[in-house]
Amino acid sequence: MENRDESVYSLNIEDIQTVATEEFSRELTEDEIDKVRDLVGEYINWYEAIFHSIREITDLRLESK
């Protein structure tokens, strides 16, 4: 069986800096990155993301039978 502690998805500092640069035309300071790190989880509805992903792959399997 798979390792149940294995991460499925993650974000890194480069991802944060990419958004900052593309959307705000500058990189964030370390202090700003720390604040984003503390907040970003509040904007990700992990349960809904998992639910819809499971539903999508299940629906695809049902349609292909």
PDB file of N, CA and C in Angstrom:
ATOM      1  N   MET A   1       0.838  -1.185   0.000  1.00  0.00           N
ATOM      2  CA  MET A   1       0.000   0.000   0.000  1.00  0.00           C
ATOM      3  C   MET A   1       0.882   1.248   0.000  1.00  0.00           C
ATOM      4  N   GLU A   2       0.361   2.324  -0.544  1.00  0.00           N
ATOM      5  CA  GLU A   2       1.100   3.584  -0.615  1.00  0.00           C
ATOM      6  C   GLU A   2       1.381   4.150   0.771  1.00  0.00           C
ATOM      7  N   ASN A   3       2.353   5.036   0.825  1.00  0.00           N
ATOM      8  CA  ASN A   3       2.700   5.717   2.066  1.00  0.00           C
ATOM      9  C   ASN A   3       1.635   6.778   2.336  1.00  0.00           C
ATOM     10  N   ARG A   4       0.847   6.614   3.362  1.00  0.00           N
ATOM     11  CA  ARG A   4      -0.263   7.533   3.660  1.00  0.00           C
ATOM     12  C   ARG A   4       0.208   8.914   4.099  1.00  0.00           C
ATOM     13  N   ASP A   5       1.491   9.062   4.430  1.00  0.00           N
ATOM     14  CA  ASP A   5       2.034  10.364   4.816  1.00  0.00           C
ATOM     15  C   ASP A   5       2.633  11.118   3.634  1.00  0.00           C
ATOM     16  N   GLU A   6       2.644  10.498   2.470  1.00  0.00           N
ATOM     17  CA  GLU A   6       3.219  11.134   1.283  1.00  0.00           C
ATOM     18  C   GLU A   6       2.370  12.335   0.864  1.00  0.00           C
ATOM     19  N   SER A   7       3.025  13.456   0.557  1.00  0.00           N
ATOM     20  CA  SER A   7       2.309  14.650   0.095  1.00  0.00           C
ATOM     21  C   SER A   7       1.776  14.418  -1.307  1.00  0.00           C
ATOM     22  N   VAL A   8       0.617  14.994  -1.564  1.00  0.00           N
ATOM     23  CA  VAL A   8      -0.008  14.885  -2.870  1.00  0.00           C
ATOM     24  C   VAL A   8       0.213  16.155  -3.674  1.00  0.00           C
ATOM     25  N   TYR A   9       0.195  17.289  -3.020  1.00  0.00           N
ATOM     26  CA  TYR A   9       0.357  18.570  -3.700  1.00  0.00           C
ATOM     27  C   TYR A   9       1.027  19.532  -2.741  1.00  0.00           C
ATOM     28  N   SER A  10       1.893  20.369  -3.257  1.00  0.00           N
ATOM     29  CA  SER A  10       2.537  21.361  -2.399  1.00  0.00           C
ATOM     30  C   SER A  10       2.826  22.625  -3.185  1.00  0.00           C
ATOM     31  N   LEU A  11       2.998  23.707  -2.468  1.00  0.00           N
ATOM     32  CA  LEU A  11       3.394  24.992  -3.042  1.00  0.00           C
ATOM     33  C   LEU A  11       4.750  25.339  -2.459  1.00  0.00           C
ATOM     34  N   ASN A  12       5.554  26.044  -3.230  1.00  0.00           N
ATOM     35  CA  ASN A  12       6.858  26.451  -2.715  1.00  0.00           C
ATOM     36  C   ASN A  12       7.046  27.959  -2.872  1.00  0.00           C
ATOM     37  N   ILE A  13       8.160  28.461  -2.367  1.00  0.00           N
ATOM     38  CA  ILE A  13       8.453  29.889  -2.410  1.00  0.00           C
ATOM     39  C   ILE A  13       8.490  30.389  -3.853  1.00  0.00           C
ATOM     40  N   GLU A  14       9.035  29.597  -4.749  1.00  0.00           N
ATOM     41  CA  GLU A  14       9.075  29.992  -6.159  1.00  0.00           C
ATOM     42  C   GLU A  14       7.670  30.228  -6.701  1.00  0.00           C
ATOM     43  N   ASP A  15       6.703  29.388  -6.307  1.00  0.00           N
ATOM     44  CA  ASP A  15       5.319  29.587  -6.736  1.00  0.00           C
ATOM     45  C   ASP A  15       4.788  30.929  -6.236  1.00  0.00           C
ATOM     46  N   ILE A  16       5.066  31.240  -4.991  1.00  0.00           N
ATOM     47  CA  ILE A  16       4.620  32.511  -4.402  1.00  0.00           C
ATOM     48  C   ILE A  16       5.263  33.686  -5.129  1.00  0.00           C
ATOM     49  N   GLN A  17       6.568  33.599  -5.364  1.00  0.00           N
ATOM     50  CA  GLN A  17       7.269  34.687  -6.038  1.00  0.00           C
ATOM     51  C   GLN A  17       6.807  34.841  -7.492  1.00  0.00           C
ATOM     52  N   THR A  18       6.460  33.741  -8.139  1.00  0.00           N
ATOM     53  CA  THR A  18       5.952  33.814  -9.518  1.00  0.00           C
ATOM     54  C   THR A  18       4.657  34.616  -9.556  1.00  0.00           C
ATOM     55  N   VAL A  19       3.749  34.337  -8.637  1.00  0.00           N
ATOM     56  CA  VAL A  19       2.484  35.081  -8.592  1.00  0.00           C
ATOM     57  C   VAL A  19       2.753  36.548  -8.268  1.00  0.00           C
ATOM     58  N   ALA A  20       3.616  36.803  -7.298  1.00  0.00           N
ATOM     59  CA  ALA A  20       3.927  38.187  -6.931  1.00  0.00           C
ATOM     60  C   ALA A  20       4.499  38.957  -8.116  1.00  0.00           C
ATOM     61  N   THR A  21       5.405  38.336  -8.839  1.00  0.00           N
ATOM     62  CA  THR A  21       6.038  38.997  -9.979  1.00  0.00           C
ATOM     63  C   THR A  21       5.053  39.208 -11.124  1.00  0.00           C
ATOM     64  N   GLU A  22       4.281  38.175 -11.444  1.00  0.00           N
ATOM     65  CA  GLU A  22       3.346  38.285 -12.563  1.00  0.00           C
ATOM     66  C   GLU A  22       2.174  39.217 -12.261  1.00  0.00           C
ATOM     67  N   GLU A  23       1.691  39.216 -11.036  1.00  0.00           N
ATOM     68  CA  GLU A  23       0.505  40.003 -10.696  1.00  0.00           C
ATOM     69  C   GLU A  23       0.821  41.382 -10.125  1.00  0.00           C
ATOM     70  N   PHE A  24       1.956  41.516  -9.429  1.00  0.00           N
ATOM     71  CA  PHE A  24       2.275  42.764  -8.738  1.00  0.00           C
ATOM     72  C   PHE A  24       3.611  43.367  -9.173  1.00  0.00           C
ATOM     73  N   SER A  25       4.254  42.728 -10.139  1.00  0.00           N
ATOM     74  CA  SER A  25       5.505  43.227 -10.741  1.00  0.00           C
ATOM     75  C   SER A  25       6.646  43.396  -9.751  1.00  0.00           C
ATOM     76  N   ARG A  26       6.657  42.584  -8.706  1.00  0.00           N
ATOM     77  CA  ARG A  26       7.800  42.579  -7.781  1.00  0.00           C
ATOM     78  C   ARG A  26       7.790  41.306  -6.962  1.00  0.00           C
ATOM     79  N   GLU A  27       8.963  40.950  -6.438  1.00  0.00           N
ATOM     80  CA  GLU A  27       9.053  39.813  -5.525  1.00  0.00           C
ATOM     81  C   GLU A  27       8.701  40.271  -4.117  1.00  0.00           C
ATOM     82  N   LEU A  28       8.303  39.336  -3.293  1.00  0.00           N
ATOM     83  CA  LEU A  28       7.962  39.626  -1.906  1.00  0.00           C
ATOM     84  C   LEU A  28       9.191  39.544  -1.015  1.00  0.00           C
ATOM     85  N   THR A  29       9.127  40.262   0.078  1.00  0.00           N
ATOM     86  CA  THR A  29      10.191  40.185   1.077  1.00  0.00           C
ATOM     87  C   THR A  29       9.996  38.889   1.885  1.00  0.00           C
ATOM     88  N   GLU A  30      10.987  38.538   2.669  1.00  0.00           N
ATOM     89  CA  GLU A  30      10.860  37.349   3.523  1.00  0.00           C
ATOM     90  C   GLU A  30       9.695  37.488   4.488  1.00  0.00           C
ATOM     91  N   ASP A  31       9.502  38.682   5.035  1.00  0.00           N
ATOM     92  CA  ASP A  31       8.392  38.920   5.955  1.00  0.00           C
ATOM     93  C   ASP A  31       7.054  38.723   5.237  1.00  0.00           C
ATOM     94  N   GLU A  32       6.932  39.227   4.027  1.00  0.00           N
ATOM     95  CA  GLU A  32       5.702  39.059   3.258  1.00  0.00           C
ATOM     96  C   GLU A  32       5.464  37.581   2.919  1.00  0.00           C
ATOM     97  N   ILE A  33       6.530  36.875   2.575  1.00  0.00           N
ATOM     98  CA  ILE A  33       6.405  35.448   2.277  1.00  0.00           C
ATOM     99  C   ILE A  33       5.908  34.694   3.509  1.00  0.00           C
ATOM    100  N   ASP A  34       6.438  35.021   4.679  1.00  0.00           N
ATOM    101  CA  ASP A  34       5.986  34.378   5.915  1.00  0.00           C
ATOM    102  C   ASP A  34       4.495  34.620   6.140  1.00  0.00           C
ATOM    103  N   LYS A  35       4.032  35.823   5.857  1.00  0.00           N
ATOM    104  CA  LYS A  35       2.615  36.142   6.035  1.00  0.00           C
ATOM    105  C   LYS A  35       1.751  35.382   5.033  1.00  0.00           C
ATOM    106  N   VAL A  36       2.213  35.285   3.787  1.00  0.00           N
ATOM    107  CA  VAL A  36       1.485  34.511   2.781  1.00  0.00           C
ATOM    108  C   VAL A  36       1.447  33.051   3.193  1.00  0.00           C
ATOM    109  N   ARG A  37       2.556  32.524   3.647  1.00  0.00           N
ATOM    110  CA  ARG A  37       2.640  31.132   4.098  1.00  0.00           C
ATOM    111  C   ARG A  37       1.591  30.851   5.180  1.00  0.00           C
ATOM    112  N   ASP A  38       1.404  31.807   6.102  1.00  0.00           N
ATOM    113  CA  ASP A  38       0.431  31.633   7.177  1.00  0.00           C
ATOM    114  C   ASP A  38      -1.011  31.703   6.672  1.00  0.00           C
ATOM    115  N   LEU A  39      -1.249  32.454   5.593  1.00  0.00           N
ATOM    116  CA  LEU A  39      -2.613  32.677   5.110  1.00  0.00           C
ATOM    117  C   LEU A  39      -3.069  31.749   3.995  1.00  0.00           C
ATOM    118  N   VAL A  40      -2.168  31.273   3.176  1.00  0.00           N
ATOM    119  CA  VAL A  40      -2.570  30.580   1.950  1.00  0.00           C
ATOM    120  C   VAL A  40      -3.458  29.365   2.219  1.00  0.00           C
ATOM    121  N   GLY A  41      -3.234  28.671   3.296  1.00  0.00           N
ATOM    122  CA  GLY A  41      -4.067  27.520   3.632  1.00  0.00           C
ATOM    123  C   GLY A  41      -5.517  27.887   3.891  1.00  0.00           C
ATOM    124  N   GLU A  42      -5.755  29.122   4.302  1.00  0.00           N
ATOM    125  CA  GLU A  42      -7.123  29.581   4.546  1.00  0.00           C
ATOM    126  C   GLU A  42      -7.920  29.715   3.250  1.00  0.00           C
ATOM    127  N   TYR A  43      -7.212  29.822   2.118  1.00  0.00           N
ATOM    128  CA  TYR A  43      -7.866  30.023   0.825  1.00  0.00           C
ATOM    129  C   TYR A  43      -7.988  28.740   0.021  1.00  0.00           C
ATOM    130  N   ILE A  44      -7.421  27.664   0.518  1.00  0.00           N
ATOM    131  CA  ILE A  44      -7.475  26.394  -0.204  1.00  0.00           C
ATOM    132  C   ILE A  44      -8.463  25.478   0.510  1.00  0.00           C
ATOM    133  N   ASN A  45      -9.548  25.188  -0.163  1.00  0.00           N
ATOM    134  CA  ASN A  45     -10.535  24.284   0.409  1.00  0.00           C
ATOM    135  C   ASN A  45     -10.130  22.870   0.010  1.00  0.00           C
ATOM    136  N   TRP A  46      -9.261  22.274   0.836  1.00  0.00           N
ATOM    137  CA  TRP A  46      -8.680  20.975   0.483  1.00  0.00           C
ATOM    138  C   TRP A  46      -9.743  19.884   0.398  1.00  0.00           C
ATOM    139  N   TYR A  47     -10.759  19.936   1.226  1.00  0.00           N
ATOM    140  CA  TYR A  47     -11.786  18.904   1.194  1.00  0.00           C
ATOM    141  C   TYR A  47     -12.529  18.935  -0.136  1.00  0.00           C
ATOM    142  N   GLU A  48     -12.943  20.124  -0.552  1.00  0.00           N
ATOM    143  CA  GLU A  48     -13.658  20.265  -1.826  1.00  0.00           C
ATOM    144  C   GLU A  48     -12.774  19.855  -3.002  1.00  0.00           C
ATOM    145  N   ALA A  49     -11.497  20.225  -2.960  1.00  0.00           N
ATOM    146  CA  ALA A  49     -10.583  19.857  -4.049  1.00  0.00           C
ATOM    147  C   ALA A  49     -10.464  18.339  -4.164  1.00  0.00           C
ATOM    148  N   ILE A  50     -10.339  17.660  -3.039  1.00  0.00           N
ATOM    149  CA  ILE A  50     -10.247  16.199  -3.052  1.00  0.00           C
ATOM    150  C   ILE A  50     -11.572  15.585  -3.490  1.00  0.00           C
ATOM    151  N   PHE A  51     -12.680  16.067  -2.942  1.00  0.00           N
ATOM    152  CA  PHE A  51     -14.002  15.552  -3.284  1.00  0.00           C
ATOM    153  C   PHE A  51     -14.256  15.630  -4.785  1.00  0.00           C
ATOM    154  N   HIS A  52     -14.019  16.807  -5.369  1.00  0.00           N
ATOM    155  CA  HIS A  52     -14.291  16.984  -6.799  1.00  0.00           C
ATOM    156  C   HIS A  52     -13.333  16.167  -7.660  1.00  0.00           C
ATOM    157  N   SER A  53     -12.099  16.016  -7.222  1.00  0.00           N
ATOM    158  CA  SER A  53     -11.145  15.184  -7.965  1.00  0.00           C
ATOM    159  C   SER A  53     -11.575  13.722  -7.963  1.00  0.00           C
ATOM    160  N   ILE A  54     -11.999  13.227  -6.801  1.00  0.00           N
ATOM    161  CA  ILE A  54     -12.477  11.847  -6.721  1.00  0.00           C
ATOM    162  C   ILE A  54     -13.712  11.669  -7.592  1.00  0.00           C
ATOM    163  N   ARG A  55     -14.636  12.620  -7.509  1.00  0.00           N
ATOM    164  CA  ARG A  55     -15.862  12.547  -8.293  1.00  0.00           C
ATOM    165  C   ARG A  55     -15.562  12.551  -9.790  1.00  0.00           C
ATOM    166  N   GLU A  56     -14.613  13.388 -10.188  1.00  0.00           N
ATOM    167  CA  GLU A  56     -14.253  13.463 -11.607  1.00  0.00           C
ATOM    168  C   GLU A  56     -13.667  12.152 -12.113  1.00  0.00           C
ATOM    169  N   ILE A  57     -12.734  11.579 -11.383  1.00  0.00           N
ATOM    170  CA  ILE A  57     -12.134  10.338 -11.877  1.00  0.00           C
ATOM    171  C   ILE A  57     -13.109   9.177 -11.782  1.00  0.00           C
ATOM    172  N   THR A  58     -13.989   9.217 -10.803  1.00  0.00           N
ATOM    173  CA  THR A  58     -14.996   8.165 -10.697  1.00  0.00           C
ATOM    174  C   THR A  58     -15.979   8.271 -11.844  1.00  0.00           C
ATOM    175  N   ASP A  59     -16.422   9.488 -12.159  1.00  0.00           N
ATOM    176  CA  ASP A  59     -17.336   9.706 -13.278  1.00  0.00           C
ATOM    177  C   ASP A  59     -16.702   9.256 -14.588  1.00  0.00           C
ATOM    178  N   LEU A  60     -15.411   9.543 -14.761  1.00  0.00           N
ATOM    179  CA  LEU A  60     -14.724   9.149 -15.993  1.00  0.00           C
ATOM    180  C   LEU A  60     -14.700   7.636 -16.118  1.00  0.00           C
ATOM    181  N   ARG A  61     -14.472   6.944 -15.021  1.00  0.00           N
ATOM    182  CA  ARG A  61     -14.465   5.484 -15.048  1.00  0.00           C
ATOM    183  C   ARG A  61     -15.855   4.942 -15.386  1.00  0.00           C
ATOM    184  N   LEU A  62     -16.887   5.560 -14.803  1.00  0.00           N
ATOM    185  CA  LEU A  62     -18.247   5.102 -15.058  1.00  0.00           C
ATOM    186  C   LEU A  62     -18.639   5.319 -16.522  1.00  0.00           C
ATOM    187  N   GLU A  63     -18.228   6.446 -17.103  1.00  0.00           N
ATOM    188  CA  GLU A  63     -18.576   6.760 -18.485  1.00  0.00           C
ATOM    189  C   GLU A  63     -17.878   5.834 -19.476  1.00  0.00           C
ATOM    190  N   SER A  64     -16.695   5.362 -19.136  1.00  0.00           N
ATOM    191  CA  SER A  64     -15.929   4.549 -20.087  1.00  0.00           C
ATOM    192  C   SER A  64     -16.298   3.076 -20.053  1.00  0.00           C
ATOM    193  N   LYS A  65     -17.185   2.648 -19.159  1.00  0.00           N
ATOM    194  CA  LYS A  65     -17.572   1.238 -19.067  1.00  0.00           C
ATOM    195  C   LYS A  65     -18.481   0.848 -20.201  1.00  0.00           C
TER     196      LYS A  65
END
